[in-house]
PDB file of N, CA and C in Angstrom:
ATOM      1  N   MET A   1      17.576   8.527  23.384  1.00  0.00           N
ATOM      2  CA  MET A   1      17.493   8.650  21.881  1.00  0.00           C
ATOM      3  C   MET A   1      16.944   7.266  21.407  1.00  0.00           C
ATOM      4  N   SER A   2      15.959   7.329  20.573  1.00  0.00           N
ATOM      5  CA  SER A   2      15.415   6.088  20.006  1.00  0.00           C
ATOM      6  C   SER A   2      16.111   5.747  18.687  1.00  0.00           C
ATOM      7  N   GLN A   3      16.191   4.463  18.483  1.00  0.00           N
ATOM      8  CA  GLN A   3      16.826   4.059  17.242  1.00  0.00           C
ATOM      9  C   GLN A   3      15.751   4.011  16.160  1.00  0.00           C
ATOM     10  N   ARG A   4      16.163   4.192  14.899  1.00  0.00           N
ATOM     11  CA  ARG A   4      15.301   4.133  13.776  1.00  0.00           C
ATOM     12  C   ARG A   4      15.058   2.632  13.490  1.00  0.00           C
ATOM     13  N   ALA A   5      13.867   2.349  12.955  1.00  0.00           N
ATOM     14  CA  ALA A   5      13.500   1.030  12.744  1.00  0.00           C
ATOM     15  C   ALA A   5      13.749   0.659  11.310  1.00  0.00           C
ATOM     16  N   PRO A   6      14.250  -0.484  11.010  1.00  0.00           N
ATOM     17  CA  PRO A   6      14.527  -0.964   9.687  1.00  0.00           C
ATOM     18  C   PRO A   6      13.161  -1.097   8.932  1.00  0.00           C
ATOM     19  N   PRO A   7      13.193  -1.106   7.599  1.00  0.00           N
ATOM     20  CA  PRO A   7      11.946  -1.276   6.802  1.00  0.00           C
ATOM     21  C   PRO A   7      11.153  -2.534   7.245  1.00  0.00           C
ATOM     22  N   ALA A   8       9.945  -2.404   7.655  1.00  0.00           N
ATOM     23  CA  ALA A   8       9.217  -3.456   8.169  1.00  0.00           C
ATOM     24  C   ALA A   8       8.895  -4.556   7.154  1.00  0.00           C
ATOM     25  N   MET A   9       8.557  -4.136   5.892  1.00  0.00           N
ATOM     26  CA  MET A   9       8.316  -5.124   4.842  1.00  0.00           C
ATOM     27  C   MET A   9       9.528  -5.939   4.525  1.00  0.00           C
ATOM     28  N   ALA A  10      10.747  -5.368   4.490  1.00  0.00           N
ATOM     29  CA  ALA A  10      11.932  -6.071   4.204  1.00  0.00           C
ATOM     30  C   ALA A  10      12.211  -7.053   5.295  1.00  0.00           C
ATOM     31  N   THR A  11      11.980  -6.609   6.543  1.00  0.00           N
ATOM     32  CA  THR A  11      12.184  -7.551   7.740  1.00  0.00           C
ATOM     33  C   THR A  11      11.195  -8.757   7.651  1.00  0.00           C
ATOM     34  N   TRP A  12      10.002  -8.435   7.279  1.00  0.00           N
ATOM     35  CA  TRP A  12       8.992  -9.447   7.179  1.00  0.00           C
ATOM     36  C   TRP A  12       9.402 -10.463   6.083  1.00  0.00           C
ATOM     37  N   LEU A  13       9.880  -9.920   4.963  1.00  0.00           N
ATOM     38  CA  LEU A  13      10.232 -10.885   3.879  1.00  0.00           C
ATOM     39  C   LEU A  13      11.362 -11.812   4.217  1.00  0.00           C
ATOM     40  N   ILE A  14      12.445 -11.243   4.949  1.00  0.00           N
ATOM     41  CA  ILE A  14      13.624 -12.032   5.318  1.00  0.00           C
ATOM     42  C   ILE A  14      13.202 -13.136   6.325  1.00  0.00           C
ATOM     43  N   GLU A  15      12.265 -12.739   7.203  1.00  0.00           N
ATOM     44  CA  GLU A  15      11.782 -13.619   8.233  1.00  0.00           C
ATOM     45  C   GLU A  15      10.926 -14.741   7.580  1.00  0.00           C
ATOM     46  N   ARG A  16      10.314 -14.541   6.501  1.00  0.00           N
ATOM     47  CA  ARG A  16       9.472 -15.587   5.839  1.00  0.00           C
ATOM     48  C   ARG A  16      10.132 -16.297   4.766  1.00  0.00           C
ATOM     49  N   LEU A  17      10.962 -15.639   3.968  1.00  0.00           N
ATOM     50  CA  LEU A  17      11.589 -16.285   2.773  1.00  0.00           C
ATOM     51  C   LEU A  17      13.109 -16.381   2.821  1.00  0.00           C
ATOM     52  N   GLY A  18      13.739 -15.922   3.923  1.00  0.00           N
ATOM     53  CA  GLY A  18      15.100 -16.050   4.044  1.00  0.00           C
ATOM     54  C   GLY A  18      15.594 -17.524   4.293  1.00  0.00           C
ATOM     55  N   PRO A  19      16.963 -17.664   4.392  1.00  0.00           N
ATOM     56  CA  PRO A  19      17.472 -19.015   4.564  1.00  0.00           C
ATOM     57  C   PRO A  19      17.018 -19.685   5.907  1.00  0.00           C
ATOM     58  N   CYS A  20      16.469 -20.846   5.820  1.00  0.00           N
ATOM     59  CA  CYS A  20      15.927 -21.494   6.981  1.00  0.00           C
ATOM     60  C   CYS A  20      16.812 -21.614   8.138  1.00  0.00           C
ATOM     61  N   ARG A  21      17.996 -22.079   7.940  1.00  0.00           N
ATOM     62  CA  ARG A  21      18.921 -22.384   8.995  1.00  0.00           C
ATOM     63  C   ARG A  21      19.436 -21.234   9.713  1.00  0.00           C
ATOM     64  N   HIS A  22      19.639 -20.132   8.926  1.00  0.00           N
ATOM     65  CA  HIS A  22      20.299 -18.959   9.524  1.00  0.00           C
ATOM     66  C   HIS A  22      19.384 -17.696   9.596  1.00  0.00           C
ATOM     67  N   ARG A  23      18.066 -17.952   9.571  1.00  0.00           N
ATOM     68  CA  ARG A  23      17.111 -16.850   9.414  1.00  0.00           C
ATOM     69  C   ARG A  23      17.215 -15.875  10.519  1.00  0.00           C
ATOM     70  N   GLU A  24      17.167 -16.370  11.784  1.00  0.00           N
ATOM     71  CA  GLU A  24      17.185 -15.448  12.922  1.00  0.00           C
ATOM     72  C   GLU A  24      18.556 -14.733  13.103  1.00  0.00           C
ATOM     73  N   SER A  25      19.690 -15.355  12.859  1.00  0.00           N
ATOM     74  CA  SER A  25      20.871 -14.682  13.012  1.00  0.00           C
ATOM     75  C   SER A  25      21.139 -13.676  11.953  1.00  0.00           C
ATOM     76  N   LEU A  26      20.724 -14.023  10.692  1.00  0.00           N
ATOM     77  CA  LEU A  26      20.869 -13.151   9.531  1.00  0.00           C
ATOM     78  C   LEU A  26      20.010 -11.882   9.766  1.00  0.00           C
ATOM     79  N   THR A  27      18.711 -12.094  10.231  1.00  0.00           N
ATOM     80  CA  THR A  27      17.857 -10.952  10.403  1.00  0.00           C
ATOM     81  C   THR A  27      18.376 -10.068  11.542  1.00  0.00           C
ATOM     82  N   GLY A  28      18.932 -10.637  12.596  1.00  0.00           N
ATOM     83  CA  GLY A  28      19.541  -9.972  13.680  1.00  0.00           C
ATOM     84  C   GLY A  28      20.789  -9.159  13.293  1.00  0.00           C
ATOM     85  N   ASP A  29      21.596  -9.813  12.417  1.00  0.00           N
ATOM     86  CA  ASP A  29      22.768  -9.035  11.921  1.00  0.00           C
ATOM     87  C   ASP A  29      22.426  -7.898  11.045  1.00  0.00           C
ATOM     88  N   LEU A  30      21.413  -8.074  10.208  1.00  0.00           N
ATOM     89  CA  LEU A  30      21.018  -6.997   9.230  1.00  0.00           C
ATOM     90  C   LEU A  30      20.415  -5.819  10.087  1.00  0.00           C
ATOM     91  N   ILE A  31      19.654  -6.058  11.124  1.00  0.00           N
ATOM     92  CA  ILE A  31      19.056  -5.077  11.917  1.00  0.00           C
ATOM     93  C   ILE A  31      20.147  -4.334  12.703  1.00  0.00           C
ATOM     94  N   GLU A  32      21.075  -5.100  13.218  1.00  0.00           N
ATOM     95  CA  GLU A  32      22.191  -4.479  13.905  1.00  0.00           C
ATOM     96  C   GLU A  32      23.052  -3.563  13.018  1.00  0.00           C
ATOM     97  N   GLN A  33      23.321  -3.983  11.823  1.00  0.00           N
ATOM     98  CA  GLN A  33      24.121  -3.079  10.888  1.00  0.00           C
ATOM     99  C   GLN A  33      23.315  -1.907  10.539  1.00  0.00           C
ATOM    100  N   PHE A  34      21.914  -2.013  10.400  1.00  0.00           N
ATOM    101  CA  PHE A  34      21.014  -0.923  10.072  1.00  0.00           C
ATOM    102  C   PHE A  34      21.185   0.151  11.207  1.00  0.00           C
ATOM    103  N   HIS A  35      21.113  -0.369  12.490  1.00  0.00           N
ATOM    104  CA  HIS A  35      21.156   0.531  13.639  1.00  0.00           C
ATOM    105  C   HIS A  35      22.557   1.133  13.736  1.00  0.00           C
ATOM    106  N   ARG A  36      23.545   0.607  13.136  1.00  0.00           N
ATOM    107  CA  ARG A  36      24.872   1.236  13.161  1.00  0.00           C
ATOM    108  C   ARG A  36      25.106   2.232  12.072  1.00  0.00           C
ATOM    109  N   GLY A  37      24.009   2.468  11.287  1.00  0.00           N
ATOM    110  CA  GLY A  37      24.119   3.542  10.343  1.00  0.00           C
ATOM    111  C   GLY A  37      23.923   3.217   8.889  1.00  0.00           C
ATOM    112  N   ARG A  38      23.699   1.937   8.556  1.00  0.00           N
ATOM    113  CA  ARG A  38      23.505   1.519   7.124  1.00  0.00           C
ATOM    114  C   ARG A  38      22.152   2.109   6.653  1.00  0.00           C
ATOM    115  N   SER A  39      22.152   2.299   5.365  1.00  0.00           N
ATOM    116  CA  SER A  39      20.908   2.984   4.801  1.00  0.00           C
ATOM    117  C   SER A  39      19.779   1.889   4.500  1.00  0.00           C
ATOM    118  N   GLU A  40      18.555   2.461   4.185  1.00  0.00           N
ATOM    119  CA  GLU A  40      17.527   1.555   3.897  1.00  0.00           C
ATOM    120  C   GLU A  40      17.737   0.875   2.640  1.00  0.00           C
ATOM    121  N   SER A  41      18.335   1.546   1.648  1.00  0.00           N
ATOM    122  CA  SER A  41      18.618   0.897   0.352  1.00  0.00           C
ATOM    123  C   SER A  41      19.646  -0.262   0.576  1.00  0.00           C
ATOM    124  N   TRP A  42      20.597  -0.117   1.511  1.00  0.00           N
ATOM    125  CA  TRP A  42      21.524  -1.183   1.786  1.00  0.00           C
ATOM    126  C   TRP A  42      20.714  -2.392   2.353  1.00  0.00           C
ATOM    127  N   TYR A  43      19.844  -2.023   3.282  1.00  0.00           N
ATOM    128  CA  TYR A  43      19.086  -3.068   3.993  1.00  0.00           C
ATOM    129  C   TYR A  43      18.200  -3.900   2.963  1.00  0.00           C
ATOM    130  N   TRP A  44      17.518  -3.174   2.071  1.00  0.00           N
ATOM    131  CA  TRP A  44      16.691  -3.765   1.046  1.00  0.00           C
ATOM    132  C   TRP A  44      17.576  -4.599   0.148  1.00  0.00           C
ATOM    133  N   ARG A  45      18.754  -4.148  -0.236  1.00  0.00           N
ATOM    134  CA  ARG A  45      19.604  -4.916  -1.089  1.00  0.00           C
ATOM    135  C   ARG A  45      20.052  -6.201  -0.411  1.00  0.00           C
ATOM    136  N   GLN A  46      20.429  -6.092   0.802  1.00  0.00           N
ATOM    137  CA  GLN A  46      20.809  -7.401   1.521  1.00  0.00           C
ATOM    138  C   GLN A  46      19.723  -8.336   1.627  1.00  0.00           C
ATOM    139  N   VAL A  47      18.516  -7.932   1.885  1.00  0.00           N
ATOM    140  CA  VAL A  47      17.357  -8.731   1.986  1.00  0.00           C
ATOM    141  C   VAL A  47      17.062  -9.421   0.630  1.00  0.00           C
ATOM    142  N   ALA A  48      17.083  -8.592  -0.471  1.00  0.00           N
ATOM    143  CA  ALA A  48      16.897  -9.132  -1.804  1.00  0.00           C
ATOM    144  C   ALA A  48      17.914 -10.239  -2.072  1.00  0.00           C
ATOM    145  N   ILE A  49      19.072 -10.013  -1.836  1.00  0.00           N
ATOM    146  CA  ILE A  49      20.170 -10.999  -2.112  1.00  0.00           C
ATOM    147  C   ILE A  49      19.945 -12.281  -1.255  1.00  0.00           C
ATOM    148  N   ALA A  50      19.636 -12.069   0.029  1.00  0.00           N
ATOM    149  CA  ALA A  50      19.437 -13.285   0.871  1.00  0.00           C
ATOM    150  C   ALA A  50      18.171 -14.162   0.440  1.00  0.00           C
ATOM    151  N   VAL A  51      17.099 -13.426   0.109  1.00  0.00           N
ATOM    152  CA  VAL A  51      15.944 -14.139  -0.301  1.00  0.00           C
ATOM    153  C   VAL A  51      16.228 -14.894  -1.659  1.00  0.00           C
ATOM    154  N   LEU A  52      16.871 -14.176  -2.514  1.00  0.00           N
ATOM    155  CA  LEU A  52      17.135 -14.795  -3.845  1.00  0.00           C
ATOM    156  C   LEU A  52      17.977 -16.003  -3.728  1.00  0.00           C
ATOM    157  N   LEU A  53      18.999 -15.926  -2.961  1.00  0.00           N
ATOM    158  CA  LEU A  53      19.936 -17.151  -2.732  1.00  0.00           C
ATOM    159  C   LEU A  53      19.219 -18.225  -1.991  1.00  0.00           C
ATOM    160  N   ALA A  54      18.439 -17.938  -1.045  1.00  0.00           N
ATOM    161  CA  ALA A  54      17.678 -18.970  -0.270  1.00  0.00           C
ATOM    162  C   ALA A  54      16.618 -19.678  -1.205  1.00  0.00           C
ATOM    163  N   ARG A  55      16.044 -18.875  -2.058  1.00  0.00           N
ATOM    164  CA  ARG A  55      15.100 -19.546  -3.068  1.00  0.00           C
ATOM    165  C   ARG A  55      15.833 -20.343  -4.022  1.00  0.00           C
ATOM    166  N   LEU A  56      16.991 -19.896  -4.556  1.00  0.00           N
ATOM    167  CA  LEU A  56      17.764 -20.663  -5.518  1.00  0.00           C
ATOM    168  C   LEU A  56      18.284 -21.942  -4.880  1.00  0.00           C
ATOM    169  N   HIS A  57      18.664 -21.867  -3.583  1.00  0.00           N
ATOM    170  CA  HIS A  57      19.082 -23.064  -2.984  1.00  0.00           C
ATOM    171  C   HIS A  57      17.963 -24.026  -2.811  1.00  0.00           C
ATOM    172  N   PHE A  58      16.837 -23.606  -2.493  1.00  0.00           N
ATOM    173  CA  PHE A  58      15.637 -24.434  -2.314  1.00  0.00           C
ATOM    174  C   PHE A  58      15.318 -25.058  -3.683  1.00  0.00           C
ATOM    175  N   VAL A  59      15.294 -24.361  -4.725  1.00  0.00           N
ATOM    176  CA  VAL A  59      15.023 -24.930  -6.087  1.00  0.00           C
ATOM    177  C   VAL A  59      16.100 -25.993  -6.385  1.00  0.00           C
ATOM    178  N   ARG A  60      17.324 -25.693  -6.045  1.00  0.00           N
ATOM    179  CA  ARG A  60      18.393 -26.707  -6.360  1.00  0.00           C
ATOM    180  C   ARG A  60      18.292 -27.956  -5.478  1.00  0.00           C
ATOM    181  N   SER A  61      17.790 -27.809  -4.312  1.00  0.00           N
ATOM    182  CA  SER A  61      17.411 -28.997  -3.447  1.00  0.00           C
ATOM    183  C   SER A  61      16.328 -29.845  -4.016  1.00  0.00           C
ATOM    184  N   LEU A  62      15.416 -29.287  -4.821  1.00  0.00           N
ATOM    185  CA  LEU A  62      14.336 -30.000  -5.469  1.00  0.00           C
ATOM    186  C   LEU A  62      14.782 -30.916  -6.478  1.00  0.00           C
ATOM    187  N   LEU A  63      15.840 -30.841  -7.045  1.00  0.00           N
ATOM    188  CA  LEU A  63      16.342 -31.582  -8.113  1.00  0.00           C
ATOM    189  C   LEU A  63      16.387 -33.146  -7.798  1.00  0.00           C
ATOM    190  N   VAL A  64      16.343 -33.477  -6.542  1.00  0.00           N
ATOM    191  CA  VAL A  64      16.312 -34.994  -6.137  1.00  0.00           C
ATOM    192  C   VAL A  64      14.892 -35.468  -6.005  1.00  0.00           C
ATOM    193  N   VAL A  65      13.938 -34.566  -6.287  1.00  0.00           N
ATOM    194  CA  VAL A  65      12.465 -35.018  -6.193  1.00  0.00           C
ATOM    195  C   VAL A  65      12.073 -35.650  -7.553  1.00  0.00           C
ATOM    196  N   PRO A  66      11.225 -36.652  -7.551  1.00  0.00           N
ATOM    197  CA  PRO A  66      10.671 -37.156  -8.770  1.00  0.00           C
ATOM    198  C   PRO A  66      10.151 -36.121  -9.681  1.00  0.00           C
ATOM    199  N   LYS A  67      10.219 -36.298 -11.070  1.00  0.00           N
ATOM    200  CA  LYS A  67       9.776 -35.255 -11.998  1.00  0.00           C
ATOM    201  C   LYS A  67       8.496 -34.655 -11.874  1.00  0.00           C
ATOM    202  N   ALA A  68       7.435 -35.459 -11.591  1.00  0.00           N
ATOM    203  CA  ALA A  68       6.102 -34.942 -11.513  1.00  0.00           C
ATOM    204  C   ALA A  68       5.917 -33.921 -10.305  1.00  0.00           C
ATOM    205  N   LYS A  69       6.497 -34.270  -9.275  1.00  0.00           N
ATOM    206  CA  LYS A  69       6.514 -33.367  -8.053  1.00  0.00           C
ATOM    207  C   LYS A  69       7.477 -32.133  -8.297  1.00  0.00           C
ATOM    208  N   LEU A  70       8.549 -32.429  -9.021  1.00  0.00           N
ATOM    209  CA  LEU A  70       9.500 -31.373  -9.260  1.00  0.00           C
ATOM    210  C   LEU A  70       8.938 -30.225 -10.106  1.00  0.00           C
ATOM    211  N   ILE A  71       8.138 -30.645 -11.043  1.00  0.00           N
ATOM    212  CA  ILE A  71       7.541 -29.509 -11.894  1.00  0.00           C
ATOM    213  C   ILE A  71       6.540 -28.652 -11.149  1.00  0.00           C
ATOM    214  N   LEU A  72       5.713 -29.301 -10.274  1.00  0.00           N
ATOM    215  CA  LEU A  72       4.788 -28.572  -9.459  1.00  0.00           C
ATOM    216  C   LEU A  72       5.482 -27.738  -8.483  1.00  0.00           C
ATOM    217  N   ARG A  73       6.519 -28.201  -7.795  1.00  0.00           N
ATOM    218  CA  ARG A  73       7.252 -27.434  -6.819  1.00  0.00           C
ATOM    219  C   ARG A  73       8.018 -26.331  -7.425  1.00  0.00           C
ATOM    220  N   LEU A  74       8.583 -26.540  -8.655  1.00  0.00           N
ATOM    221  CA  LEU A  74       9.240 -25.452  -9.324  1.00  0.00           C
ATOM    222  C   LEU A  74       8.347 -24.273  -9.677  1.00  0.00           C
ATOM    223  N   LEU A  75       7.143 -24.615 -10.152  1.00  0.00           N
ATOM    224  CA  LEU A  75       6.227 -23.611 -10.489  1.00  0.00           C
ATOM    225  C   LEU A  75       5.787 -22.865  -9.224  1.00  0.00           C
ATOM    226  N   ILE A  76       5.585 -23.529  -8.151  1.00  0.00           N
ATOM    227  CA  ILE A  76       5.220 -22.813  -6.860  1.00  0.00           C
ATOM    228  C   ILE A  76       6.344 -21.949  -6.438  1.00  0.00           C
ATOM    229  N   GLU A  77       7.560 -22.496  -6.502  1.00  0.00           N
ATOM    230  CA  GLU A  77       8.817 -21.669  -6.138  1.00  0.00           C
ATOM    231  C   GLU A  77       8.988 -20.478  -7.027  1.00  0.00           C
ATOM    232  N   CYS A  78       8.762 -20.612  -8.284  1.00  0.00           N
ATOM    233  CA  CYS A  78       8.909 -19.447  -9.202  1.00  0.00           C
ATOM    234  C   CYS A  78       7.875 -18.376  -8.802  1.00  0.00           C
ATOM    235  N   ALA A  79       6.692 -18.899  -8.455  1.00  0.00           N
ATOM    236  CA  ALA A  79       5.626 -17.846  -8.137  1.00  0.00           C
ATOM    237  C   ALA A  79       6.034 -17.154  -6.844  1.00  0.00           C
ATOM    238  N   ILE A  80       6.548 -17.862  -5.866  1.00  0.00           N
ATOM    239  CA  ILE A  80       6.990 -17.244  -4.579  1.00  0.00           C
ATOM    240  C   ILE A  80       8.181 -16.309  -4.914  1.00  0.00           C
ATOM    241  N   LEU A  81       9.075 -16.707  -5.730  1.00  0.00           N
ATOM    242  CA  LEU A  81      10.258 -15.809  -6.055  1.00  0.00           C
ATOM    243  C   LEU A  81       9.755 -14.541  -6.759  1.00  0.00           C
ATOM    244  N   ALA A  82       8.870 -14.732  -7.713  1.00  0.00           N
ATOM    245  CA  ALA A  82       8.398 -13.536  -8.461  1.00  0.00           C
ATOM    246  C   ALA A  82       7.617 -12.620  -7.535  1.00  0.00           C
ATOM    247  N   LEU A  83       6.853 -13.161  -6.621  1.00  0.00           N
ATOM    248  CA  LEU A  83       6.084 -12.329  -5.703  1.00  0.00           C
ATOM    249  C   LEU A  83       7.066 -11.590  -4.746  1.00  0.00           C
ATOM    250  N   GLY A  84       8.026 -12.364  -4.325  1.00  0.00           N
ATOM    251  CA  GLY A  84       8.988 -11.695  -3.431  1.00  0.00           C
ATOM    252  C   GLY A  84       9.832 -10.590  -4.127  1.00  0.00           C
ATOM    253  N   LEU A  85      10.294 -10.856  -5.254  1.00  0.00           N
ATOM    254  CA  LEU A  85      10.992  -9.808  -6.067  1.00  0.00           C
ATOM    255  C   LEU A  85      10.105  -8.652  -6.434  1.00  0.00           C
ATOM    256  N   GLY A  86       8.928  -8.914  -6.785  1.00  0.00           N
ATOM    257  CA  GLY A  86       8.035  -7.852  -7.124  1.00  0.00           C
ATOM    258  C   GLY A  86       7.742  -7.009  -5.893  1.00  0.00           C
ATOM    259  N   THR A  87       7.598  -7.624  -4.780  1.00  0.00           N
ATOM    260  CA  THR A  87       7.349  -6.813  -3.565  1.00  0.00           C
ATOM    261  C   THR A  87       8.536  -5.978  -3.206  1.00  0.00           C
ATOM    262  N   LEU A  88       9.726  -6.631  -3.326  1.00  0.00           N
ATOM    263  CA  LEU A  88      11.015  -5.883  -3.070  1.00  0.00           C
ATOM    264  C   LEU A  88      11.129  -4.609  -4.028  1.00  0.00           C
ATOM    265  N   THR A  89      10.858  -4.885  -5.225  1.00  0.00           N
ATOM    266  CA  THR A  89      10.969  -3.803  -6.186  1.00  0.00           C
ATOM    267  C   THR A  89       9.946  -2.714  -5.924  1.00  0.00           C
ATOM    268  N   TRP A  90       8.737  -3.051  -5.656  1.00  0.00           N
ATOM    269  CA  TRP A  90       7.774  -2.068  -5.317  1.00  0.00           C
ATOM    270  C   TRP A  90       8.101  -1.315  -4.056  1.00  0.00           C
ATOM    271  N   ALA A  91       8.440  -2.012  -2.974  1.00  0.00           N
ATOM    272  CA  ALA A  91       8.778  -1.341  -1.778  1.00  0.00           C
ATOM    273  C   ALA A  91      10.011  -0.418  -1.812  1.00  0.00           C
ATOM    274  N   ALA A  92      10.952  -0.822  -2.645  1.00  0.00           N
ATOM    275  CA  ALA A  92      12.100  -0.044  -2.788  1.00  0.00           C
ATOM    276  C   ALA A  92      11.884   1.263  -3.664  1.00  0.00           C
ATOM    277  N   THR A  93      10.853   1.270  -4.523  1.00  0.00           N
ATOM    278  CA  THR A  93      10.617   2.357  -5.418  1.00  0.00           C
ATOM    279  C   THR A  93       9.383   3.089  -5.170  1.00  0.00           C
ATOM    280  N   ALA A  94       8.562   2.613  -4.277  1.00  0.00           N
ATOM    281  CA  ALA A  94       7.221   3.209  -4.117  1.00  0.00           C
ATOM    282  C   ALA A  94       7.275   4.503  -3.355  1.00  0.00           C
ATOM    283  N   ASN A  95       6.466   5.484  -3.717  1.00  0.00           N
ATOM    284  CA  ASN A  95       6.290   6.748  -3.024  1.00  0.00           C
ATOM    285  C   ASN A  95       5.292   6.439  -1.903  1.00  0.00           C
ATOM    286  N   LYS A  96       5.195   7.322  -0.914  1.00  0.00           N
ATOM    287  CA  LYS A  96       4.266   7.217   0.125  1.00  0.00           C
ATOM    288  C   LYS A  96       2.879   7.468  -0.502  1.00  0.00           C
ATOM    289  N   VAL A  97       1.907   6.512  -0.324  1.00  0.00           N
ATOM    290  CA  VAL A  97       0.658   6.669  -0.972  1.00  0.00           C
ATOM    291  C   VAL A  97      -0.488   6.456   0.219  1.00  0.00           C
ATOM    292  N   PRO A  98      -0.887   7.530   0.760  1.00  0.00           N
ATOM    293  CA  PRO A  98      -1.962   7.385   1.788  1.00  0.00           C
ATOM    294  C   PRO A  98      -3.323   7.034   1.138  1.00  0.00           C
ATOM    295  N   CYS A  99      -3.996   6.031   1.575  1.00  0.00           N
ATOM    296  CA  CYS A  99      -5.291   5.605   0.979  1.00  0.00           C
ATOM    297  C   CYS A  99      -6.362   5.777   1.937  1.00  0.00           C
ATOM    298  N   THR A 100      -7.512   6.264   1.431  1.00  0.00           N
ATOM    299  CA  THR A 100      -8.720   6.349   2.316  1.00  0.00           C
ATOM    300  C   THR A 100      -9.920   5.880   1.572  1.00  0.00           C
ATOM    301  N   ILE A 101     -10.544   4.877   2.067  1.00  0.00           N
ATOM    302  CA  ILE A 101     -11.765   4.251   1.586  1.00  0.00           C
ATOM    303  C   ILE A 101     -11.907   4.311   0.009  1.00  0.00           C
ATOM    304  N   GLY A 102     -11.082   3.633  -0.625  1.00  0.00           N
ATOM    305  CA  GLY A 102     -11.057   3.540  -2.092  1.00  0.00           C
ATOM    306  C   GLY A 102     -10.508   4.688  -2.846  1.00  0.00           C
ATOM    307  N   ILE A 103     -10.058   5.717  -2.159  1.00  0.00           N
ATOM    308  CA  ILE A 103      -9.573   6.943  -2.866  1.00  0.00           C
ATOM    309  C   ILE A 103      -8.136   7.051  -2.520  1.00  0.00           C
ATOM    310  N   CYS A 104      -7.178   6.926  -3.491  1.00  0.00           N
ATOM    311  CA  CYS A 104      -5.754   7.076  -3.154  1.00  0.00           C
ATOM    312  C   CYS A 104      -5.306   8.382  -3.639  1.00  0.00           C
ATOM    313  N   VAL A 105      -4.522   9.109  -2.829  1.00  0.00           N
ATOM    314  CA  VAL A 105      -3.938  10.371  -3.211  1.00  0.00           C
ATOM    315  C   VAL A 105      -2.376  10.154  -3.049  1.00  0.00           C
ATOM    316  N   CYS A 106      -1.792  10.261  -4.144  1.00  0.00           N
ATOM    317  CA  CYS A 106      -0.332  10.075  -4.207  1.00  0.00           C
ATOM    318  C   CYS A 106       0.334  11.371  -3.746  1.00  0.00           C
ATOM    319  N   THR A 107       1.268  11.172  -2.943  1.00  0.00           N
ATOM    320  CA  THR A 107       2.140  12.347  -2.442  1.00  0.00           C
ATOM    321  C   THR A 107       3.595  11.936  -2.745  1.00  0.00           C
ATOM    322  N   LYS A 108       4.320  12.796  -3.414  1.00  0.00           N
ATOM    323  CA  LYS A 108       5.768  12.551  -3.679  1.00  0.00           C
ATOM    324  C   LYS A 108       6.501  13.340  -2.659  1.00  0.00           C
ATOM    325  N   THR A 109       7.526  12.604  -2.113  1.00  0.00           N
ATOM    326  CA  THR A 109       8.352  13.241  -1.165  1.00  0.00           C
ATOM    327  C   THR A 109       9.690  13.719  -1.928  1.00  0.00           C
ATOM    328  N   PRO A 110      10.141  14.986  -1.522  1.00  0.00           N
ATOM    329  CA  PRO A 110      11.297  15.448  -2.271  1.00  0.00           C
ATOM    330  C   PRO A 110      12.515  14.639  -1.991  1.00  0.00           C
TER     331      PRO A 110
END
């Protein structure tokens, strides 16, 4: 019997934007819980929380940086956070959309 795979996009996000020190162990724990029967929505929710907290912690750590660099880093961090949350929102709500050479045909699953 093969195990179902957790959402690839969520795993990719946690591996790239999750907390630096505990990234591998957190990812492993989430995958383990998913294999034990947790839902995809649970997995996405945990990834969203972990990414948001990691980004907020990073922004908080920037407060010791001189003001000129702080503004630039805060803008970059806000862009990363917005992109991450937008991707999480899209992935959690998107229908399956098969695309072929510029023509997209939307199919809704019941």
